[in-house]
Each structure stands twice: as C-alpha cells, then as structure tokens.
Protein backbone atom coordinates (compact mmCIF):
# COMPACT_ATOMS: atom_id res chain seq x y z
CA MET A 1 103.57 -34.80 -65.25
CA GLU A 2 102.71 -37.88 -67.33
CA THR A 3 102.75 -40.00 -64.16
CA LYS A 4 100.37 -37.59 -62.44
CA ILE A 5 98.02 -37.72 -65.44
CA LYS A 6 98.08 -41.52 -65.43
CA GLU A 7 97.49 -41.70 -61.67
CA LEU A 8 94.57 -39.26 -61.77
CA PHE A 9 93.08 -41.09 -64.77
CA ALA A 10 93.28 -44.40 -62.89
CA ALA A 11 91.90 -42.87 -59.68
CA ILE A 12 88.88 -41.37 -61.41
CA LEU A 13 88.09 -44.67 -63.14
CA ASN A 14 88.92 -46.64 -59.98
CA VAL A 15 91.31 -48.95 -61.83
CA ASP A 16 94.92 -49.97 -61.23
CA ALA A 17 97.36 -47.45 -62.75
CA ASP A 18 99.32 -50.40 -64.16
CA ALA A 19 96.34 -51.08 -66.44
CA ILE A 20 96.80 -47.67 -68.09
CA ASN A 21 99.17 -47.26 -71.01
CA ASP A 22 99.20 -45.23 -74.23
CA SER A 23 97.34 -47.93 -76.15
CA ALA A 24 94.55 -48.22 -73.56
CA THR A 25 91.13 -47.61 -75.08
CA PRO A 26 87.55 -47.56 -73.80
CA SER A 27 87.17 -51.09 -75.15
CA SER A 28 90.23 -52.33 -73.24
CA ILE A 29 89.24 -50.70 -69.92
CA ASP A 30 85.77 -51.81 -68.86
CA ARG A 31 85.20 -48.83 -66.56
CA TRP A 32 85.98 -46.29 -69.30
CA ASP A 33 82.53 -45.78 -70.78
CA SER A 34 80.93 -42.59 -72.08
CA MET A 35 79.63 -41.53 -68.67
CA GLN A 36 82.95 -42.15 -66.94
CA HIS A 37 84.62 -40.22 -69.77
CA LEU A 38 82.62 -37.14 -68.78
CA PHE A 39 83.86 -37.57 -65.20
CA LEU A 40 87.42 -37.90 -66.51
CA VAL A 41 87.21 -34.71 -68.56
CA SER A 42 85.64 -32.67 -65.78
CA GLY A 43 88.04 -34.11 -63.20
CA PHE A 44 91.05 -33.11 -65.27
CA GLU A 45 89.61 -29.66 -65.94
CA GLU A 46 89.17 -29.14 -62.21
CA GLU A 47 92.49 -30.64 -61.11
CA PHE A 48 94.62 -28.74 -63.62
CA SER A 49 92.45 -25.62 -64.06
CA ILE A 50 92.17 -26.17 -67.80
CA ASP A 51 89.32 -25.89 -70.31
CA ILE A 52 88.72 -28.76 -72.70
CA ASP A 53 86.61 -28.02 -75.76
CA PRO A 54 83.78 -30.45 -76.60
CA GLU A 55 85.57 -31.50 -79.82
CA GLU A 56 88.72 -32.25 -77.83
CA ALA A 57 86.70 -34.25 -75.30
CA VAL A 58 85.39 -36.42 -78.15
CA ASP A 59 88.94 -36.93 -79.48
CA MET A 60 90.12 -37.87 -75.97
CA TYR A 61 87.75 -40.85 -76.01
CA LYS A 62 89.94 -42.54 -78.66
CA ASP A 63 92.77 -43.79 -76.42
CA PHE A 64 94.87 -42.80 -73.42
CA ALA A 65 97.71 -41.46 -75.62
CA THR A 66 95.32 -38.93 -77.20
CA PHE A 67 93.79 -38.11 -73.82
CA LYS A 68 97.22 -37.44 -72.34
CA LYS A 69 98.38 -35.43 -75.37
CA ILE A 70 95.41 -33.06 -75.15
CA VAL A 71 95.81 -32.58 -71.39
CA LEU A 72 99.54 -31.88 -71.80
CA SER A 73 98.81 -29.33 -74.54
CA LYS A 74 96.64 -27.39 -72.07
CA LEU A 75 99.30 -27.18 -69.35
C-alpha cells in the first residue's frame, strides 16, 4: 500500500516517484505547493474513498511521512 501511495503522490504532482521519500517536504519538491497540496488531498480522498479533515490536511503539508501516515490511518 505504501508503494501505491507514493506512486499516486508522484503522479498527482507529476514528479518522479524516486524523488519521493519520507523526508520529502514542500520545500524539497518544487511542485508541492499549497495549491498542489489541495489536489493531492482531494485526489487521495477520491482514489481511496476516504475523508480527510481540514486539520489533518494541514498536518499532511509537513512532509511525505506525515502525509502517508494519515492516509494509512484512514484505510
């Protein structure tokens, strides 16, 4: 499941999946800005049929590890 999360994350941002790791942050991935983050959250909600609270969405903007952790907690 972690691979699928990473691949979807990379696909939505249109970046190479190899560029994504747990320490990846918006400052280390140019395409991960606040607008793209909204696309990420909604894309994951749609793909996995989950609901992400606004507070969680803010936390997910910290780094990929946090993003992944919150998605996994919803599955």
